[in-house]
Each structure stands twice: as structure tokens, then as C-alpha cells.
Amino acid sequence: YADFVKGRFTISRDNAKNTVYLQMNSLKPED
């Protein structure tokens, strides 16, 4: 992760669904 998203964003993937995700929490205007 980039330092500015550590602890707030989580990347994951489901290879069975051919999909990657980005869960974004505690969003800020600078996001």
C-alpha cells in the first residue's frame, strides 16, 4: 500500500471471479 492509505484501504482479489477489489474506509476529501 501507499503510505497515505495504509490502515484505511484494503486490496483483495477473487481469482474465481476474475475480480480485484479495493475497500476504502475512512475516506477523506483528498481521496
All heavy atoms as atom14 arrays in JSON, in Angstrom:
{
  "sequence": "YADFVKGRFTISRDNAKNTVYLQMNSLKPED",
  "atom14_mask": [
    [1, 1, 1, 1, 1, 1, 1, 1, 1, 1, 1, 1, 0, 0],
    [1, 1, 1, 1, 1, 0, 0, 0, 0, 0, 0, 0, 0, 0],
    [1, 1, 1, 1, 1, 1, 1, 1, 0, 0, 0, 0, 0, 0],
    [1, 1, 1, 1, 1, 1, 1, 1, 1, 1, 1, 0, 0, 0],
    [1, 1, 1, 1, 1, 1, 1, 0, 0, 0, 0, 0, 0, 0],
    [1, 1, 1, 1, 1, 1, 1, 1, 1, 0, 0, 0, 0, 0],
    [1, 1, 1, 1, 0, 0, 0, 0, 0, 0, 0, 0, 0, 0],
    [1, 1, 1, 1, 1, 1, 1, 1, 1, 1, 1, 0, 0, 0],
    [1, 1, 1, 1, 1, 1, 1, 1, 1, 1, 1, 0, 0, 0],
    [1, 1, 1, 1, 1, 1, 1, 0, 0, 0, 0, 0, 0, 0],
    [1, 1, 1, 1, 1, 1, 1, 1, 0, 0, 0, 0, 0, 0],
    [1, 1, 1, 1, 1, 1, 0, 0, 0, 0, 0, 0, 0, 0],
    [1, 1, 1, 1, 1, 1, 1, 1, 1, 1, 1, 0, 0, 0],
    [1, 1, 1, 1, 1, 1, 1, 1, 0, 0, 0, 0, 0, 0],
    [1, 1, 1, 1, 1, 1, 1, 1, 0, 0, 0, 0, 0, 0],
    [1, 1, 1, 1, 1, 0, 0, 0, 0, 0, 0, 0, 0, 0],
    [1, 1, 1, 1, 1, 1, 1, 1, 1, 0, 0, 0, 0, 0],
    [1, 1, 1, 1, 1, 1, 1, 1, 0, 0, 0, 0, 0, 0],
    [1, 1, 1, 1, 1, 1, 1, 0, 0, 0, 0, 0, 0, 0],
    [1, 1, 1, 1, 1, 1, 1, 0, 0, 0, 0, 0, 0, 0],
    [1, 1, 1, 1, 1, 1, 1, 1, 1, 1, 1, 1, 0, 0],
    [1, 1, 1, 1, 1, 1, 1, 1, 0, 0, 0, 0, 0, 0],
    [1, 1, 1, 1, 1, 1, 1, 1, 1, 0, 0, 0, 0, 0],
    [1, 1, 1, 1, 1, 1, 1, 1, 0, 0, 0, 0, 0, 0],
    [1, 1, 1, 1, 1, 1, 1, 1, 0, 0, 0, 0, 0, 0],
    [1, 1, 1, 1, 1, 1, 0, 0, 0, 0, 0, 0, 0, 0],
    [1, 1, 1, 1, 1, 1, 1, 1, 0, 0, 0, 0, 0, 0],
    [1, 1, 1, 1, 1, 1, 1, 1, 1, 0, 0, 0, 0, 0],
    [1, 1, 1, 1, 1, 1, 1, 0, 0, 0, 0, 0, 0, 0],
    [1, 1, 1, 1, 1, 1, 1, 1, 1, 0, 0, 0, 0, 0],
    [1, 1, 1, 1, 1, 1, 1, 1, 0, 0, 0, 0, 0, 0]
  ],
  "atom14_positions": [
    [[0.82, -1.2, 0.0], [0.0, 0.0, 0.0], [0.86, 1.26, 0.0], [1.94, 1.29, 0.58], [-0.89, 0.02, 1.24], [-1.89, -1.11, 1.32], [-1.58, -2.29, 1.97], [-3.14, -0.98, 0.72], [-2.49, -3.33, 2.02], [-4.07, -2.01, 0.78], [-3.73, -3.19, 1.43], [-4.65, -4.21, 1.49], [0.0, 0.0, 0.0], [0.0, 0.0, 0.0]],
    [[0.3, 2.29, -0.6], [0.89, 3.61, -0.44], [0.69, 4.05, 1.0], [-0.32, 3.7, 1.63], [0.22, 4.6, -1.39], [0.0, 0.0, 0.0], [0.0, 0.0, 0.0], [0.0, 0.0, 0.0], [0.0, 0.0, 0.0], [0.0, 0.0, 0.0], [0.0, 0.0, 0.0], [0.0, 0.0, 0.0], [0.0, 0.0, 0.0], [0.0, 0.0, 0.0]],
    [[1.63, 4.81, 1.5], [1.55, 5.22, 2.91], [0.26, 5.95, 3.24], [-0.3, 5.81, 4.33], [2.75, 6.11, 3.25], [4.05, 5.34, 3.37], [3.99, 4.09, 3.49], [5.12, 5.97, 3.33], [0.0, 0.0, 0.0], [0.0, 0.0, 0.0], [0.0, 0.0, 0.0], [0.0, 0.0, 0.0], [0.0, 0.0, 0.0], [0.0, 0.0, 0.0]],
    [[-0.25, 6.74, 2.3], [-1.41, 7.57, 2.61], [-2.71, 6.78, 2.69], [-3.74, 7.35, 3.05], [-1.53, 8.72, 1.59], [-1.58, 8.3, 0.15], [-2.74, 7.79, -0.4], [-0.46, 8.43, -0.64], [-2.78, 7.4, -1.73], [-0.48, 8.05, -1.97], [-1.64, 7.53, -2.52], [0.0, 0.0, 0.0], [0.0, 0.0, 0.0], [0.0, 0.0, 0.0]],
    [[-2.7, 5.48, 2.37], [-3.92, 4.68, 2.51], [-3.79, 3.55, 3.51], [-4.76, 2.84, 3.78], [-4.4, 4.12, 1.16], [-4.66, 5.24, 0.18], [-3.44, 3.09, 0.6], [0.0, 0.0, 0.0], [0.0, 0.0, 0.0], [0.0, 0.0, 0.0], [0.0, 0.0, 0.0], [0.0, 0.0, 0.0], [0.0, 0.0, 0.0], [0.0, 0.0, 0.0]],
    [[-2.6, 3.37, 4.05], [-2.39, 2.28, 5.0], [-3.35, 2.41, 6.18], [-3.5, 3.47, 6.76], [-0.95, 2.27, 5.49], [0.03, 1.7, 4.5], [1.45, 1.69, 5.06], [2.43, 1.13, 4.04], [3.83, 1.18, 4.54], [0.0, 0.0, 0.0], [0.0, 0.0, 0.0], [0.0, 0.0, 0.0], [0.0, 0.0, 0.0], [0.0, 0.0, 0.0]],
    [[-3.98, 1.29, 6.5], [-4.93, 1.28, 7.61], [-6.33, 1.71, 7.23], [-7.26, 1.57, 8.02], [0.0, 0.0, 0.0], [0.0, 0.0, 0.0], [0.0, 0.0, 0.0], [0.0, 0.0, 0.0], [0.0, 0.0, 0.0], [0.0, 0.0, 0.0], [0.0, 0.0, 0.0], [0.0, 0.0, 0.0], [0.0, 0.0, 0.0], [0.0, 0.0, 0.0]],
    [[-6.49, 2.26, 6.03], [-7.82, 2.71, 5.59], [-8.34, 1.9, 4.4], [-9.54, 1.63, 4.31], [-7.77, 4.19, 5.2], [-7.35, 5.12, 6.31], [-7.57, 6.59, 5.92], [-6.78, 6.98, 4.75], [-7.31, 7.53, 3.66], [-8.62, 7.74, 3.57], [-6.52, 7.89, 2.67], [0.0, 0.0, 0.0], [0.0, 0.0, 0.0], [0.0, 0.0, 0.0]],
    [[-7.46, 1.53, 3.48], [-7.85, 0.81, 2.27], [-7.36, -0.63, 2.35], [-6.29, -0.91, 2.92], [-7.23, 1.46, 1.03], [-7.78, 2.82, 0.67], [-8.61, 3.53, 1.52], [-7.42, 3.4, -0.54], [-9.09, 4.79, 1.18], [-7.9, 4.66, -0.9], [-8.72, 5.35, -0.04], [0.0, 0.0, 0.0], [0.0, 0.0, 0.0], [0.0, 0.0, 0.0]],
    [[-8.12, -1.52, 1.73], [-7.73, -2.93, 1.66], [-7.95, -3.44, 0.24], [-9.05, -3.31, -0.3], [-8.55, -3.79, 2.63], [-8.39, -3.3, 3.96], [-8.09, -5.24, 2.57], [0.0, 0.0, 0.0], [0.0, 0.0, 0.0], [0.0, 0.0, 0.0], [0.0, 0.0, 0.0], [0.0, 0.0, 0.0], [0.0, 0.0, 0.0], [0.0, 0.0, 0.0]],
    [[-6.89, -4.0, -0.34], [-6.99, -4.6, -1.65], [-7.16, -6.11, -1.48], [-6.56, -6.72, -0.59], [-5.76, -4.28, -2.52], [-5.96, -4.75, -3.96], [-4.48, -4.83, -1.92], [-4.86, -4.27, -4.92], [0.0, 0.0, 0.0], [0.0, 0.0, 0.0], [0.0, 0.0, 0.0], [0.0, 0.0, 0.0], [0.0, 0.0, 0.0], [0.0, 0.0, 0.0]],
    [[-8.0, -6.69, -2.32], [-8.21, -8.13, -2.29], [-8.56, -8.59, -3.69], [-8.84, -7.77, -4.58], [-9.32, -8.5, -1.3], [-10.55, -7.92, -1.68], [0.0, 0.0, 0.0], [0.0, 0.0, 0.0], [0.0, 0.0, 0.0], [0.0, 0.0, 0.0], [0.0, 0.0, 0.0], [0.0, 0.0, 0.0], [0.0, 0.0, 0.0], [0.0, 0.0, 0.0]],
    [[-8.57, -9.89, -3.89], [-8.92, -10.43, -5.2], [-9.62, -11.76, -5.04], [-9.4, -12.49, -4.07], [-7.68, -10.56, -6.09], [-6.68, -11.61, -5.65], [-5.38, -11.5, -6.47], [-5.6, -11.79, -7.88], [-4.75, -11.44, -8.84], [-3.63, -10.79, -8.54], [-5.0, -11.76, -10.1], [0.0, 0.0, 0.0], [0.0, 0.0, 0.0], [0.0, 0.0, 0.0]],
    [[-10.45, -12.06, -6.03], [-11.12, -13.34, -6.1], [-10.81, -13.9, -7.48], [-11.42, -13.49, -8.48], [-12.63, -13.17, -5.9], [-13.38, -14.48, -5.84], [-12.86, -15.49, -6.36], [-14.49, -14.51, -5.29], [0.0, 0.0, 0.0], [0.0, 0.0, 0.0], [0.0, 0.0, 0.0], [0.0, 0.0, 0.0], [0.0, 0.0, 0.0], [0.0, 0.0, 0.0]],
    [[-9.86, -14.8, -7.55], [-9.44, -15.33, -8.84], [-10.52, -16.16, -9.51], [-10.56, -16.28, -10.73], [-8.15, -16.12, -8.7], [-6.94, -15.23, -8.48], [-7.0, -14.02, -8.73], [-5.85, -15.8, -8.0], [0.0, 0.0, 0.0], [0.0, 0.0, 0.0], [0.0, 0.0, 0.0], [0.0, 0.0, 0.0], [0.0, 0.0, 0.0], [0.0, 0.0, 0.0]],
    [[-11.42, -16.73, -8.72], [-12.52, -17.49, -9.31], [-13.5, -16.58, -10.03], [-14.19, -17.0, -10.96], [-13.24, -18.28, -8.23], [0.0, 0.0, 0.0], [0.0, 0.0, 0.0], [0.0, 0.0, 0.0], [0.0, 0.0, 0.0], [0.0, 0.0, 0.0], [0.0, 0.0, 0.0], [0.0, 0.0, 0.0], [0.0, 0.0, 0.0], [0.0, 0.0, 0.0]],
    [[-13.57, -15.32, -9.59], [-14.48, -14.36, -10.21], [-13.75, -13.37, -11.11], [-14.37, -12.44, -11.63], [-15.24, -13.59, -9.12], [-16.17, -14.46, -8.3], [-16.93, -13.62, -7.28], [-17.9, -14.5, -6.5], [-18.67, -13.7, -5.48], [0.0, 0.0, 0.0], [0.0, 0.0, 0.0], [0.0, 0.0, 0.0], [0.0, 0.0, 0.0], [0.0, 0.0, 0.0]],
    [[-12.43, -13.54, -11.27], [-11.64, -12.64, -12.11], [-11.83, -11.18, -11.7], [-11.97, -10.29, -12.56], [-12.0, -12.8, -13.59], [-11.54, -14.12, -14.16], [-10.81, -14.87, -13.51], [-11.98, -14.44, -15.36], [0.0, 0.0, 0.0], [0.0, 0.0, 0.0], [0.0, 0.0, 0.0], [0.0, 0.0, 0.0], [0.0, 0.0, 0.0], [0.0, 0.0, 0.0]],
    [[-11.82, -10.94, -10.42], [-12.12, -9.61, -9.91], [-11.15, -9.21, -8.8], [-10.8, -10.04, -7.96], [-13.57, -9.55, -9.38], [-14.47, -9.92, -10.42], [-13.92, -8.15, -8.9], [0.0, 0.0, 0.0], [0.0, 0.0, 0.0], [0.0, 0.0, 0.0], [0.0, 0.0, 0.0], [0.0, 0.0, 0.0], [0.0, 0.0, 0.0], [0.0, 0.0, 0.0]],
    [[-10.75, -7.95, -8.84], [-9.96, -7.37, -7.76], [-10.78, -6.24, -7.14], [-11.55, -5.56, -7.82], [-8.59, -6.86, -8.27], [-8.75, -5.78, -9.31], [-7.71, -6.41, -7.12], [0.0, 0.0, 0.0], [0.0, 0.0, 0.0], [0.0, 0.0, 0.0], [0.0, 0.0, 0.0], [0.0, 0.0, 0.0], [0.0, 0.0, 0.0], [0.0, 0.0, 0.0]],
    [[-10.62, -6.09, -5.83], [-11.42, -5.12, -5.09], [-10.53, -4.12, -4.36], [-9.38, -4.4, -4.05], [-12.28, -5.84, -4.04], [-13.16, -6.92, -4.59], [-12.76, -8.25, -4.56], [-14.4, -6.61, -5.15], [-13.57, -9.25, -5.08], [-15.22, -7.61, -5.66], [-14.79, -8.94, -5.62], [-15.6, -9.93, -6.13], [0.0, 0.0, 0.0], [0.0, 0.0, 0.0]],
    [[-11.11, -2.98, -4.07], [-10.45, -2.0, -3.21], [-11.5, -1.5, -2.22], [-12.4, -0.76, -2.6], [-9.86, -0.84, -4.0], [-9.05, 0.15, -3.17], [-7.76, -0.52, -2.66], [-8.7, 1.39, -3.99], [0.0, 0.0, 0.0], [0.0, 0.0, 0.0], [0.0, 0.0, 0.0], [0.0, 0.0, 0.0], [0.0, 0.0, 0.0], [0.0, 0.0, 0.0]],
    [[-11.39, -1.95, -0.99], [-12.28, -1.48, 0.06], [-11.67, -0.21, 0.65], [-10.54, -0.22, 1.13], [-12.43, -2.53, 1.16], [-13.27, -2.1, 2.34], [-14.73, -1.9, 1.97], [-15.31, -2.7, 1.27], [-15.31, -0.79, 2.45], [0.0, 0.0, 0.0], [0.0, 0.0, 0.0], [0.0, 0.0, 0.0], [0.0, 0.0, 0.0], [0.0, 0.0, 0.0]],
    [[-12.43, 0.87, 0.61], [-11.93, 2.17, 1.06], [-12.78, 2.63, 2.24], [-13.98, 2.86, 2.09], [-11.99, 3.19, -0.08], [-11.27, 2.73, -1.34], [-11.17, 4.01, -2.6], [-12.9, 4.23, -2.98], [0.0, 0.0, 0.0], [0.0, 0.0, 0.0], [0.0, 0.0, 0.0], [0.0, 0.0, 0.0], [0.0, 0.0, 0.0], [0.0, 0.0, 0.0]],
    [[-12.15, 2.75, 3.38], [-12.81, 3.22, 4.59], [-12.21, 4.55, 5.04], [-11.13, 4.94, 4.6], [-12.65, 2.18, 5.71], [-13.28, 0.84, 5.36], [-14.27, 0.77, 4.65], [-12.69, -0.22, 5.88], [0.0, 0.0, 0.0], [0.0, 0.0, 0.0], [0.0, 0.0, 0.0], [0.0, 0.0, 0.0], [0.0, 0.0, 0.0], [0.0, 0.0, 0.0]],
    [[-12.92, 5.22, 5.93], [-12.45, 6.5, 6.48], [-12.0, 7.44, 5.38], [-10.92, 8.04, 5.44], [-11.3, 6.26, 7.47], [-11.7, 5.39, 8.51], [0.0, 0.0, 0.0], [0.0, 0.0, 0.0], [0.0, 0.0, 0.0], [0.0, 0.0, 0.0], [0.0, 0.0, 0.0], [0.0, 0.0, 0.0], [0.0, 0.0, 0.0], [0.0, 0.0, 0.0]],
    [[-12.82, 7.57, 4.38], [-12.46, 8.39, 3.22], [-12.32, 9.85, 3.59], [-13.04, 10.37, 4.45], [-13.49, 8.2, 2.11], [-13.34, 6.88, 1.33], [-14.61, 6.54, 0.58], [-12.16, 6.97, 0.38], [0.0, 0.0, 0.0], [0.0, 0.0, 0.0], [0.0, 0.0, 0.0], [0.0, 0.0, 0.0], [0.0, 0.0, 0.0], [0.0, 0.0, 0.0]],
    [[-11.39, 10.5, 2.9], [-11.09, 11.91, 3.11], [-11.32, 12.67, 1.81], [-11.22, 12.08, 0.72], [-9.63, 12.08, 3.53], [-9.22, 11.26, 4.75], [-7.73, 11.4, 5.01], [-7.29, 10.56, 6.2], [-5.83, 10.68, 6.45], [0.0, 0.0, 0.0], [0.0, 0.0, 0.0], [0.0, 0.0, 0.0], [0.0, 0.0, 0.0], [0.0, 0.0, 0.0]],
    [[-11.57, 13.96, 1.88], [-11.73, 14.73, 0.64], [-10.53, 14.59, -0.3], [-10.71, 14.59, -1.53], [-11.89, 16.17, 1.15], [-12.52, 16.0, 2.49], [-11.9, 14.77, 3.07], [0.0, 0.0, 0.0], [0.0, 0.0, 0.0], [0.0, 0.0, 0.0], [0.0, 0.0, 0.0], [0.0, 0.0, 0.0], [0.0, 0.0, 0.0], [0.0, 0.0, 0.0]],
    [[-9.35, 14.44, 0.25], [-8.16, 14.31, -0.6], [-8.08, 12.96, -1.31], [-7.2, 12.74, -2.15], [-6.88, 14.54, 0.21], [-6.78, 13.73, 1.49], [-7.24, 14.51, 2.71], [-8.29, 15.2, 2.64], [-6.54, 14.42, 3.76], [0.0, 0.0, 0.0], [0.0, 0.0, 0.0], [0.0, 0.0, 0.0], [0.0, 0.0, 0.0], [0.0, 0.0, 0.0]],
    [[-9.0, 12.05, -1.01], [-9.08, 10.79, -1.75], [-9.87, 10.94, -3.04], [-9.96, 9.99, -3.83], [-9.74, 9.7, -0.9], [-8.9, 9.31, 0.3], [-7.66, 9.19, 0.16], [-9.48, 9.12, 1.39], [0.0, 0.0, 0.0], [0.0, 0.0, 0.0], [0.0, 0.0, 0.0], [0.0, 0.0, 0.0], [0.0, 0.0, 0.0], [0.0, 0.0, 0.0]]
  ]
}
